Amino acid sequence: MVVAGLWVLSKVGSSCNFLTLIYIATVLLFTVPVLYEKYEDKVDDFGEKAMKEIKKQYAVLDEKVLSKVMSKIPKGAFKKKD
């Protein structure tokens, strides 16, 4: 998520100058908390639905892709040191 966030930030930053980014950040810092308090129930419900869907999609990805990739990675013979 950090990589995706930095990628989005770089895309936005490349299309705007520094003062515009500061202005956008200031406006967001003052409006997002107010909007969240006003629509808290709707936002929380949407967040719960989104998290359920993300977990379901990750389970499918894990089953179809990640487990197959991990099974193909050779596991070397590890010896225990006494």
PDB file of N, CA and C in Angstrom:
ATOM      1  N   MET A   1       0.819  -1.183   0.000  1.00  0.00           N
ATOM      2  CA  MET A   1       0.000   0.000   0.000  1.00  0.00           C
ATOM      3  C   MET A   1       0.872   1.258   0.000  1.00  0.00           C
ATOM      4  N   VAL A   2       2.020   1.166   0.630  1.00  0.00           N
ATOM      5  CA  VAL A   2       2.923   2.316   0.652  1.00  0.00           C
ATOM      6  C   VAL A   2       3.411   2.623  -0.754  1.00  0.00           C
ATOM      7  N   VAL A   3       3.776   1.586  -1.485  1.00  0.00           N
ATOM      8  CA  VAL A   3       4.266   1.783  -2.847  1.00  0.00           C
ATOM      9  C   VAL A   3       3.175   2.402  -3.717  1.00  0.00           C
ATOM     10  N   ALA A   4       1.961   1.906  -3.585  1.00  0.00           N
ATOM     11  CA  ALA A   4       0.854   2.447  -4.373  1.00  0.00           C
ATOM     12  C   ALA A   4       0.585   3.901  -3.988  1.00  0.00           C
ATOM     13  N   GLY A   5       0.653   4.208  -2.716  1.00  0.00           N
ATOM     14  CA  GLY A   5       0.443   5.575  -2.267  1.00  0.00           C
ATOM     15  C   GLY A   5       1.510   6.518  -2.791  1.00  0.00           C
ATOM     16  N   LEU A   6       2.763   6.071  -2.757  1.00  0.00           N
ATOM     17  CA  LEU A   6       3.843   6.901  -3.277  1.00  0.00           C
ATOM     18  C   LEU A   6       3.740   7.073  -4.793  1.00  0.00           C
ATOM     19  N   TRP A   7       3.284   6.025  -5.473  1.00  0.00           N
ATOM     20  CA  TRP A   7       3.106   6.121  -6.921  1.00  0.00           C
ATOM     21  C   TRP A   7       2.034   7.155  -7.261  1.00  0.00           C
ATOM     22  N   VAL A   8       0.902   7.103  -6.559  1.00  0.00           N
ATOM     23  CA  VAL A   8      -0.167   8.072  -6.788  1.00  0.00           C
ATOM     24  C   VAL A   8       0.335   9.478  -6.471  1.00  0.00           C
ATOM     25  N   LEU A   9       1.064   9.613  -5.375  1.00  0.00           N
ATOM     26  CA  LEU A   9       1.606  10.919  -5.005  1.00  0.00           C
ATOM     27  C   LEU A   9       2.559  11.448  -6.068  1.00  0.00           C
ATOM     28  N   SER A  10       3.371  10.581  -6.648  1.00  0.00           N
ATOM     29  CA  SER A  10       4.289  11.029  -7.694  1.00  0.00           C
ATOM     30  C   SER A  10       3.542  11.438  -8.958  1.00  0.00           C
ATOM     31  N   LYS A  11       2.476  10.711  -9.299  1.00  0.00           N
ATOM     32  CA  LYS A  11       1.688  11.075 -10.486  1.00  0.00           C
ATOM     33  C   LYS A  11       1.001  12.426 -10.296  1.00  0.00           C
ATOM     34  N   VAL A  12       0.430  12.633  -9.110  1.00  0.00           N
ATOM     35  CA  VAL A  12      -0.218  13.917  -8.831  1.00  0.00           C
ATOM     36  C   VAL A  12       0.830  15.019  -8.778  1.00  0.00           C
ATOM     37  N   GLY A  13       1.957  14.734  -8.151  1.00  0.00           N
ATOM     38  CA  GLY A  13       3.016  15.728  -8.029  1.00  0.00           C
ATOM     39  C   GLY A  13       3.637  16.116  -9.358  1.00  0.00           C
ATOM     40  N   SER A  14       3.683  15.196 -10.286  1.00  0.00           N
ATOM     41  CA  SER A  14       4.268  15.524 -11.583  1.00  0.00           C
ATOM     42  C   SER A  14       3.352  16.403 -12.429  1.00  0.00           C
ATOM     43  N   SER A  15       2.072  16.418 -12.111  1.00  0.00           N
ATOM     44  CA  SER A  15       1.153  17.233 -12.888  1.00  0.00           C
ATOM     45  C   SER A  15       0.850  18.580 -12.225  1.00  0.00           C
ATOM     46  N   CYS A  16       1.332  18.805 -11.009  1.00  0.00           N
ATOM     47  CA  CYS A  16       1.076  20.050 -10.288  1.00  0.00           C
ATOM     48  C   CYS A  16       2.386  20.610  -9.753  1.00  0.00           C
ATOM     49  N   ASN A  17       2.380  21.916  -9.481  1.00  0.00           N
ATOM     50  CA  ASN A  17       3.557  22.469  -8.837  1.00  0.00           C
ATOM     51  C   ASN A  17       3.410  22.370  -7.314  1.00  0.00           C
ATOM     52  N   PHE A  18       4.445  22.755  -6.591  1.00  0.00           N
ATOM     53  CA  PHE A  18       4.478  22.554  -5.140  1.00  0.00           C
ATOM     54  C   PHE A  18       3.392  23.345  -4.419  1.00  0.00           C
ATOM     55  N   LEU A  19       3.176  24.586  -4.807  1.00  0.00           N
ATOM     56  CA  LEU A  19       2.165  25.406  -4.136  1.00  0.00           C
ATOM     57  C   LEU A  19       0.759  24.849  -4.342  1.00  0.00           C
ATOM     58  N   THR A  20       0.508  24.302  -5.507  1.00  0.00           N
ATOM     59  CA  THR A  20      -0.800  23.692  -5.755  1.00  0.00           C
ATOM     60  C   THR A  20      -1.000  22.473  -4.863  1.00  0.00           C
ATOM     61  N   LEU A  21       0.041  21.667  -4.696  1.00  0.00           N
ATOM     62  CA  LEU A  21      -0.067  20.500  -3.818  1.00  0.00           C
ATOM     63  C   LEU A  21      -0.311  20.912  -2.368  1.00  0.00           C
ATOM     64  N   ILE A  22       0.364  21.961  -1.917  1.00  0.00           N
ATOM     65  CA  ILE A  22       0.151  22.465  -0.554  1.00  0.00           C
ATOM     66  C   ILE A  22      -1.289  22.952  -0.396  1.00  0.00           C
ATOM     67  N   TYR A  23      -1.806  23.644  -1.397  1.00  0.00           N
ATOM     68  CA  TYR A  23      -3.183  24.129  -1.350  1.00  0.00           C
ATOM     69  C   TYR A  23      -4.163  22.960  -1.295  1.00  0.00           C
ATOM     70  N   ILE A  24      -3.966  21.958  -2.126  1.00  0.00           N
ATOM     71  CA  ILE A  24      -4.852  20.788  -2.139  1.00  0.00           C
ATOM     72  C   ILE A  24      -4.802  20.066  -0.795  1.00  0.00           C
ATOM     73  N   ALA A  25      -3.606  19.892  -0.251  1.00  0.00           N
ATOM     74  CA  ALA A  25      -3.463  19.218   1.044  1.00  0.00           C
ATOM     75  C   ALA A  25      -4.161  19.998   2.144  1.00  0.00           C
ATOM     76  N   THR A  26      -4.043  21.322   2.130  1.00  0.00           N
ATOM     77  CA  THR A  26      -4.695  22.144   3.149  1.00  0.00           C
ATOM     78  C   THR A  26      -6.211  22.037   3.054  1.00  0.00           C
ATOM     79  N   VAL A  27      -6.729  22.101   1.866  1.00  0.00           N
ATOM     80  CA  VAL A  27      -8.184  21.988   1.687  1.00  0.00           C
ATOM     81  C   VAL A  27      -8.665  20.617   2.161  1.00  0.00           C
ATOM     82  N   LEU A  28      -7.935  19.569   1.807  1.00  0.00           N
ATOM     83  CA  LEU A  28      -8.325  18.216   2.230  1.00  0.00           C
ATOM     84  C   LEU A  28      -8.259  18.053   3.744  1.00  0.00           C
ATOM     85  N   LEU A  29      -7.235  18.630   4.358  1.00  0.00           N
ATOM     86  CA  LEU A  29      -7.094  18.515   5.814  1.00  0.00           C
ATOM     87  C   LEU A  29      -8.236  19.175   6.566  1.00  0.00           C
ATOM     88  N   PHE A  30      -8.844  20.193   5.978  1.00  0.00           N
ATOM     89  CA  PHE A  30      -9.949  20.861   6.644  1.00  0.00           C
ATOM     90  C   PHE A  30     -11.317  20.297   6.270  1.00  0.00           C
ATOM     91  N   THR A  31     -11.446  19.684   5.100  1.00  0.00           N
ATOM     92  CA  THR A  31     -12.769  19.217   4.679  1.00  0.00           C
ATOM     93  C   THR A  31     -13.037  17.750   4.995  1.00  0.00           C
ATOM     94  N   VAL A  32     -12.022  16.900   4.917  1.00  0.00           N
ATOM     95  CA  VAL A  32     -12.248  15.463   5.116  1.00  0.00           C
ATOM     96  C   VAL A  32     -12.771  15.143   6.516  1.00  0.00           C
ATOM     97  N   PRO A  33     -12.197  15.692   7.595  1.00  0.00           N
ATOM     98  CA  PRO A  33     -12.751  15.374   8.924  1.00  0.00           C
ATOM     99  C   PRO A  33     -14.197  15.826   9.103  1.00  0.00           C
ATOM    100  N   VAL A  34     -14.544  16.970   8.556  1.00  0.00           N
ATOM    101  CA  VAL A  34     -15.916  17.472   8.675  1.00  0.00           C
ATOM    102  C   VAL A  34     -16.874  16.564   7.911  1.00  0.00           C
ATOM    103  N   LEU A  35     -16.488  16.184   6.715  1.00  0.00           N
ATOM    104  CA  LEU A  35     -17.338  15.285   5.930  1.00  0.00           C
ATOM    105  C   LEU A  35     -17.466  13.921   6.593  1.00  0.00           C
ATOM    106  N   TYR A  36     -16.384  13.440   7.205  1.00  0.00           N
ATOM    107  CA  TYR A  36     -16.452  12.142   7.886  1.00  0.00           C
ATOM    108  C   TYR A  36     -17.412  12.210   9.067  1.00  0.00           C
ATOM    109  N   GLU A  37     -17.347  13.272   9.849  1.00  0.00           N
ATOM    110  CA  GLU A  37     -18.268  13.387  10.984  1.00  0.00           C
ATOM    111  C   GLU A  37     -19.713  13.481  10.518  1.00  0.00           C
ATOM    112  N   LYS A  38     -19.940  14.149   9.406  1.00  0.00           N
ATOM    113  CA  LYS A  38     -21.302  14.311   8.903  1.00  0.00           C
ATOM    114  C   LYS A  38     -21.872  12.995   8.370  1.00  0.00           C
ATOM    115  N   TYR A  39     -21.040  12.224   7.659  1.00  0.00           N
ATOM    116  CA  TYR A  39     -21.498  10.985   7.027  1.00  0.00           C
ATOM    117  C   TYR A  39     -20.795   9.762   7.619  1.00  0.00           C
ATOM    118  N   GLU A  40     -20.553   9.762   8.906  1.00  0.00           N
ATOM    119  CA  GLU A  40     -19.768   8.707   9.544  1.00  0.00           C
ATOM    120  C   GLU A  40     -20.384   7.315   9.345  1.00  0.00           C
ATOM    121  N   ASP A  41     -21.675   7.197   9.522  1.00  0.00           N
ATOM    122  CA  ASP A  41     -22.322   5.886   9.394  1.00  0.00           C
ATOM    123  C   ASP A  41     -22.185   5.329   7.977  1.00  0.00           C
ATOM    124  N   LYS A  42     -22.416   6.161   6.973  1.00  0.00           N
ATOM    125  CA  LYS A  42     -22.316   5.706   5.584  1.00  0.00           C
ATOM    126  C   LYS A  42     -20.883   5.331   5.226  1.00  0.00           C
ATOM    127  N   VAL A  43     -19.937   6.139   5.703  1.00  0.00           N
ATOM    128  CA  VAL A  43     -18.525   5.871   5.405  1.00  0.00           C
ATOM    129  C   VAL A  43     -18.074   4.573   6.061  1.00  0.00           C
ATOM    130  N   ASP A  44     -18.484   4.363   7.306  1.00  0.00           N
ATOM    131  CA  ASP A  44     -18.100   3.133   8.001  1.00  0.00           C
ATOM    132  C   ASP A  44     -18.708   1.899   7.344  1.00  0.00           C
ATOM    133  N   ASP A  45     -19.969   1.994   6.948  1.00  0.00           N
ATOM    134  CA  ASP A  45     -20.605   0.871   6.250  1.00  0.00           C
ATOM    135  C   ASP A  45     -19.888   0.563   4.940  1.00  0.00           C
ATOM    136  N   PHE A  46     -19.577   1.614   4.182  1.00  0.00           N
ATOM    137  CA  PHE A  46     -18.864   1.429   2.921  1.00  0.00           C
ATOM    138  C   PHE A  46     -17.478   0.829   3.172  1.00  0.00           C
ATOM    139  N   GLY A  47     -16.798   1.291   4.213  1.00  0.00           N
ATOM    140  CA  GLY A  47     -15.470   0.765   4.548  1.00  0.00           C
ATOM    141  C   GLY A  47     -15.515  -0.709   4.906  1.00  0.00           C
ATOM    142  N   GLU A  48     -16.532  -1.109   5.669  1.00  0.00           N
ATOM    143  CA  GLU A  48     -16.676  -2.522   6.019  1.00  0.00           C
ATOM    144  C   GLU A  48     -16.929  -3.375   4.776  1.00  0.00           C
ATOM    145  N   LYS A  49     -17.797  -2.907   3.901  1.00  0.00           N
ATOM    146  CA  LYS A  49     -18.074  -3.637   2.661  1.00  0.00           C
ATOM    147  C   LYS A  49     -16.818  -3.738   1.803  1.00  0.00           C
ATOM    148  N   ALA A  50     -16.073  -2.645   1.724  1.00  0.00           N
ATOM    149  CA  ALA A  50     -14.851  -2.636   0.923  1.00  0.00           C
ATOM    150  C   ALA A  50     -13.823  -3.610   1.497  1.00  0.00           C
ATOM    151  N   MET A  51     -13.669  -3.639   2.811  1.00  0.00           N
ATOM    152  CA  MET A  51     -12.704  -4.553   3.427  1.00  0.00           C
ATOM    153  C   MET A  51     -13.105  -6.013   3.201  1.00  0.00           C
ATOM    154  N   LYS A  52     -14.386  -6.323   3.282  1.00  0.00           N
ATOM    155  CA  LYS A  52     -14.848  -7.691   3.010  1.00  0.00           C
ATOM    156  C   LYS A  52     -14.523  -8.080   1.571  1.00  0.00           C
ATOM    157  N   GLU A  53     -14.787  -7.170   0.635  1.00  0.00           N
ATOM    158  CA  GLU A  53     -14.517  -7.453  -0.776  1.00  0.00           C
ATOM    159  C   GLU A  53     -13.024  -7.599  -1.028  1.00  0.00           C
ATOM    160  N   ILE A  54     -12.216  -6.761  -0.395  1.00  0.00           N
ATOM    161  CA  ILE A  54     -10.759  -6.853  -0.558  1.00  0.00           C
ATOM    162  C   ILE A  54     -10.247  -8.177  -0.013  1.00  0.00           C
ATOM    163  N   LYS A  55     -10.751  -8.593   1.142  1.00  0.00           N
ATOM    164  CA  LYS A  55     -10.324  -9.877   1.717  1.00  0.00           C
ATOM    165  C   LYS A  55     -10.744 -11.043   0.825  1.00  0.00           C
ATOM    166  N   LYS A  56     -11.946 -10.949   0.240  1.00  0.00           N
ATOM    167  CA  LYS A  56     -12.413 -12.006  -0.650  1.00  0.00           C
ATOM    168  C   LYS A  56     -11.542 -12.075  -1.906  1.00  0.00           C
ATOM    169  N   GLN A  57     -11.223 -10.928  -2.484  1.00  0.00           N
ATOM    170  CA  GLN A  57     -10.380 -10.899  -3.679  1.00  0.00           C
ATOM    171  C   GLN A  57      -8.961 -11.359  -3.373  1.00  0.00           C
ATOM    172  N   TYR A  58      -8.447 -11.032  -2.194  1.00  0.00           N
ATOM    173  CA  TYR A  58      -7.115 -11.495  -1.814  1.00  0.00           C
ATOM    174  C   TYR A  58      -7.104 -13.007  -1.641  1.00  0.00           C
ATOM    175  N   ALA A  59      -8.176 -13.573  -1.092  1.00  0.00           N
ATOM    176  CA  ALA A  59      -8.252 -15.023  -0.948  1.00  0.00           C
ATOM    177  C   ALA A  59      -8.215 -15.700  -2.315  1.00  0.00           C
ATOM    178  N   VAL A  60      -8.926 -15.142  -3.283  1.00  0.00           N
ATOM    179  CA  VAL A  60      -8.915 -15.696  -4.639  1.00  0.00           C
ATOM    180  C   VAL A  60      -7.520 -15.574  -5.243  1.00  0.00           C
ATOM    181  N   LEU A  61      -6.884 -14.414  -5.084  1.00  0.00           N
ATOM    182  CA  LEU A  61      -5.528 -14.212  -5.588  1.00  0.00           C
ATOM    183  C   LEU A  61      -4.559 -15.178  -4.928  1.00  0.00           C
ATOM    184  N   ASP A  62      -4.686 -15.354  -3.635  1.00  0.00           N
ATOM    185  CA  ASP A  62      -3.809 -16.263  -2.908  1.00  0.00           C
ATOM    186  C   ASP A  62      -3.990 -17.692  -3.390  1.00  0.00           C
ATOM    187  N   GLU A  63      -5.233 -18.084  -3.610  1.00  0.00           N
ATOM    188  CA  GLU A  63      -5.521 -19.453  -4.043  1.00  0.00           C
ATOM    189  C   GLU A  63      -5.012 -19.712  -5.459  1.00  0.00           C
ATOM    190  N   LYS A  64      -5.256 -18.773  -6.357  1.00  0.00           N
ATOM    191  CA  LYS A  64      -4.937 -19.003  -7.766  1.00  0.00           C
ATOM    192  C   LYS A  64      -3.495 -18.702  -8.130  1.00  0.00           C
ATOM    193  N   VAL A  65      -2.899 -17.684  -7.529  1.00  0.00           N
ATOM    194  CA  VAL A  65      -1.585 -17.230  -7.979  1.00  0.00           C
ATOM    195  C   VAL A  65      -0.507 -17.467  -6.936  1.00  0.00           C
ATOM    196  N   LEU A  66      -0.683 -16.901  -5.777  1.00  0.00           N
ATOM    197  CA  LEU A  66       0.389 -16.906  -4.791  1.00  0.00           C
ATOM    198  C   LEU A  66       0.757 -18.311  -4.310  1.00  0.00           C
ATOM    199  N   SER A  67      -0.223 -19.155  -4.093  1.00  0.00           N
ATOM    200  CA  SER A  67       0.087 -20.504  -3.626  1.00  0.00           C
ATOM    201  C   SER A  67       0.846 -21.290  -4.697  1.00  0.00           C
ATOM    202  N   LYS A  68       0.525 -21.070  -5.972  1.00  0.00           N
ATOM    203  CA  LYS A  68       1.240 -21.761  -7.042  1.00  0.00           C
ATOM    204  C   LYS A  68       2.674 -21.247  -7.167  1.00  0.00           C
ATOM    205  N   VAL A  69       2.848 -19.948  -7.020  1.00  0.00           N
ATOM    206  CA  VAL A  69       4.188 -19.378  -7.107  1.00  0.00           C
ATOM    207  C   VAL A  69       5.033 -19.860  -5.938  1.00  0.00           C
ATOM    208  N   MET A  70       4.461 -19.859  -4.762  1.00  0.00           N
ATOM    209  CA  MET A  70       5.218 -20.281  -3.579  1.00  0.00           C
ATOM    210  C   MET A  70       5.566 -21.771  -3.642  1.00  0.00           C
ATOM    211  N   SER A  71       4.721 -22.577  -4.268  1.00  0.00           N
ATOM    212  CA  SER A  71       5.014 -24.002  -4.371  1.00  0.00           C
ATOM    213  C   SER A  71       6.138 -24.272  -5.368  1.00  0.00           C
ATOM    214  N   LYS A  72       6.363 -23.361  -6.315  1.00  0.00           N
ATOM    215  CA  LYS A  72       7.419 -23.553  -7.300  1.00  0.00           C
ATOM    216  C   LYS A  72       8.782 -23.067  -6.819  1.00  0.00           C
ATOM    217  N   ILE A  73       8.815 -22.317  -5.735  1.00  0.00           N
ATOM    218  CA  ILE A  73      10.081 -21.840  -5.196  1.00  0.00           C
ATOM    219  C   ILE A  73      10.746 -23.007  -4.461  1.00  0.00           C
ATOM    220  N   PRO A  74      11.958 -23.367  -4.848  1.00  0.00           N
ATOM    221  CA  PRO A  74      12.604 -24.514  -4.204  1.00  0.00           C
ATOM    222  C   PRO A  74      13.001 -24.181  -2.768  1.00  0.00           C
ATOM    223  N   LYS A  75      12.777 -25.142  -1.935  1.00  0.00           N
ATOM    224  CA  LYS A  75      13.146 -25.007  -0.538  1.00  0.00           C
ATOM    225  C   LYS A  75      14.413 -25.825  -0.329  1.00  0.00           C
ATOM    226  N   GLY A  76      15.491 -25.152  -0.050  1.00  0.00           N
ATOM    227  CA  GLY A  76      16.760 -25.816   0.121  1.00  0.00           C
ATOM    228  C   GLY A  76      16.797 -26.679   1.375  1.00  0.00           C
ATOM    229  N   ALA A  77      17.761 -27.556   1.408  1.00  0.00           N
ATOM    230  CA  ALA A  77      17.906 -28.415   2.570  1.00  0.00           C
ATOM    231  C   ALA A  77      18.608 -27.626   3.669  1.00  0.00           C
ATOM    232  N   PHE A  78      17.899 -27.381   4.724  1.00  0.00           N
ATOM    233  CA  PHE A  78      18.453 -26.654   5.855  1.00  0.00           C
ATOM    234  C   PHE A  78      18.889 -27.671   6.906  1.00  0.00           C
ATOM    235  N   LYS A  79      20.070 -27.472   7.401  1.00  0.00           N
ATOM    236  CA  LYS A  79      20.581 -28.367   8.437  1.00  0.00           C
ATOM    237  C   LYS A  79      20.522 -27.630   9.776  1.00  0.00           C
ATOM    238  N   LYS A  80      20.102 -28.346  10.785  1.00  0.00           N
ATOM    239  CA  LYS A  80      20.054 -27.747  12.118  1.00  0.00           C
ATOM    240  C   LYS A  80      21.445 -27.762  12.713  1.00  0.00           C
ATOM    241  N   LYS A  81      21.805 -26.665  13.315  1.00  0.00           N
ATOM    242  CA  LYS A  81      23.088 -26.572  14.000  1.00  0.00           C
ATOM    243  C   LYS A  81      22.853 -26.875  15.471  1.00  0.00           C
ATOM    244  N   ASP A  82      23.629 -27.804  15.981  1.00  0.00           N
ATOM    245  CA  ASP A  82      23.482 -28.168  17.401  1.00  0.00           C
ATOM    246  C   ASP A  82      24.485 -27.431  18.236  1.00  0.00           C
TER     247      ASP A  82
END
